Amino acid sequence: MTELAVAELSRYECRSCGYIYEPERGQPDKGVMPGTAFTSLVADWRCPVCGARKSAFADIGTNQTAGFPENYRYGLGVNTLTPGQKNLLIFGGLAIGFLFLMSFYGLK
């Protein structure tokens, strides 16, 4: 893949609120079709969550999974998750465990 193609697929994260613009999804409800690169957005485009300007966004690269491709088939399928998905799985599990533990206080 060429550098230009990688730049076109790059995701951008809002440094104000953490919203991630993904060019594969676009924003059809706002008139931005899927496949539209962040650099191709109009100059007055704003973050849909907090309203920050385009200059408040940082390039975070493409949506790739961490690790070596040889190891993706191990680990019950969690090795193919992106870092954000792994964080959701870990902290979501911790939150559910905490709620379960707190539910014991309701028993008599």
Protein backbone atom coordinates (compact mmCIF):
# COMPACT_ATOMS: atom_id res chain seq x y z
CA MET A 1 0.00 0.00 0.00
CA THR A 2 1.41 3.40 -0.92
CA GLU A 3 1.90 6.23 1.57
CA LEU A 4 -0.85 8.21 -0.15
CA ALA A 5 -3.34 5.35 0.26
CA VAL A 6 -2.39 4.98 3.94
CA ALA A 7 -2.86 8.72 4.48
CA GLU A 8 -6.29 8.50 2.85
CA LEU A 9 -7.34 5.74 5.27
CA SER A 10 -5.98 7.49 8.36
CA ARG A 11 -8.35 8.03 11.24
CA TYR A 12 -8.34 11.31 13.14
CA GLU A 13 -9.11 11.78 16.84
CA CYS A 14 -10.52 14.93 18.40
CA ARG A 15 -8.11 16.07 21.11
CA SER A 16 -10.97 17.78 22.92
CA CYS A 17 -13.47 14.94 23.37
CA GLY A 18 -11.90 11.77 21.92
CA TYR A 19 -14.28 11.38 18.96
CA ILE A 20 -12.64 9.39 16.15
CA TYR A 21 -13.43 10.23 12.52
CA GLU A 22 -13.24 7.03 10.47
CA PRO A 23 -13.12 7.58 6.70
CA GLU A 24 -14.57 4.09 6.04
CA ARG A 25 -17.78 5.09 7.82
CA GLY A 26 -17.96 8.80 7.03
CA GLN A 27 -21.00 10.65 8.40
CA PRO A 28 -23.91 9.99 6.02
CA ASP A 29 -26.32 11.84 8.31
CA LYS A 30 -24.16 14.98 7.93
CA GLY A 31 -23.64 14.56 4.18
CA VAL A 32 -20.15 13.02 4.42
CA MET A 33 -20.17 9.82 2.38
CA PRO A 34 -18.23 6.71 3.46
CA GLY A 35 -14.72 6.71 2.01
CA THR A 36 -14.25 10.47 2.42
CA ALA A 37 -10.75 11.22 3.73
CA PHE A 38 -10.41 13.61 6.65
CA THR A 39 -8.26 15.91 4.52
CA SER A 40 -11.12 16.10 1.97
CA LEU A 41 -13.64 17.44 4.49
CA VAL A 42 -14.76 21.03 4.05
CA ALA A 43 -12.74 23.67 5.92
CA ASP A 44 -15.58 24.60 8.28
CA TRP A 45 -16.30 20.97 9.28
CA ARG A 46 -16.70 20.56 13.05
CA CYS A 47 -16.53 17.65 15.48
CA PRO A 48 -20.05 16.19 15.74
CA VAL A 49 -19.65 15.63 19.49
CA CYS A 50 -18.06 18.81 20.87
CA GLY A 51 -17.96 21.20 17.90
CA ALA A 52 -14.15 21.50 17.78
CA ARG A 53 -12.49 22.69 14.57
CA LYS A 54 -10.55 20.41 12.21
CA SER A 55 -7.29 21.76 13.67
CA ALA A 56 -8.18 20.08 17.00
CA PHE A 57 -7.88 16.63 15.41
CA ALA A 58 -4.74 14.47 15.44
CA ASP A 59 -3.88 11.72 12.96
CA ILE A 60 -3.94 8.35 14.76
CA GLY A 61 -3.23 6.19 11.72
CA THR A 62 -5.23 3.34 10.26
CA ASN A 63 -7.43 0.93 12.17
CA GLN A 64 -4.99 -1.89 12.76
CA THR A 65 -4.82 -4.58 15.38
CA ALA A 66 -1.80 -4.75 17.65
CA GLY A 67 0.74 -7.56 17.52
CA PHE A 68 2.13 -9.87 14.90
CA PRO A 69 -0.16 -11.34 12.22
CA GLU A 70 1.22 -14.82 12.99
CA ASN A 71 -0.32 -14.63 16.48
CA TYR A 72 -3.82 -13.47 15.47
CA ARG A 73 -5.25 -17.01 15.46
CA TYR A 74 -4.38 -17.59 19.12
CA GLY A 75 -6.12 -16.27 22.24
CA LEU A 76 -9.80 -17.20 21.68
CA GLY A 77 -10.17 -14.53 19.00
CA VAL A 78 -9.21 -11.55 21.16
CA ASN A 79 -5.89 -11.11 19.35
CA THR A 80 -7.73 -9.70 16.35
CA LEU A 81 -9.38 -6.94 18.40
CA THR A 82 -8.23 -3.35 18.08
CA PRO A 83 -6.77 -1.65 21.17
CA GLY A 84 -10.03 0.24 21.70
CA GLN A 85 -12.05 -2.96 21.57
CA LYS A 86 -9.67 -4.61 24.04
CA ASN A 87 -10.05 -1.65 26.42
CA LEU A 88 -13.83 -1.92 26.19
CA LEU A 89 -13.67 -5.65 26.90
CA ILE A 90 -11.33 -5.24 29.89
CA PHE A 91 -12.95 -2.24 31.55
CA GLY A 92 -16.46 -3.43 30.71
CA GLY A 93 -15.68 -6.74 32.39
CA LEU A 94 -14.32 -4.92 35.42
CA ALA A 95 -17.45 -2.75 35.64
CA ILE A 96 -19.74 -5.78 35.41
CA GLY A 97 -17.66 -7.57 38.05
CA PHE A 98 -17.89 -4.52 40.32
CA LEU A 99 -21.68 -4.31 39.87
CA PHE A 100 -21.96 -8.03 40.59
CA LEU A 101 -19.89 -7.62 43.76
CA MET A 102 -22.00 -4.65 44.86
CA SER A 103 -25.17 -6.68 44.31
CA PHE A 104 -24.17 -8.89 47.24
CA TYR A 105 -24.98 -6.00 49.55
CA GLY A 106 -28.62 -6.36 48.53
CA LEU A 107 -28.79 -9.94 49.83
CA LYS A 108 -29.98 -10.62 53.37
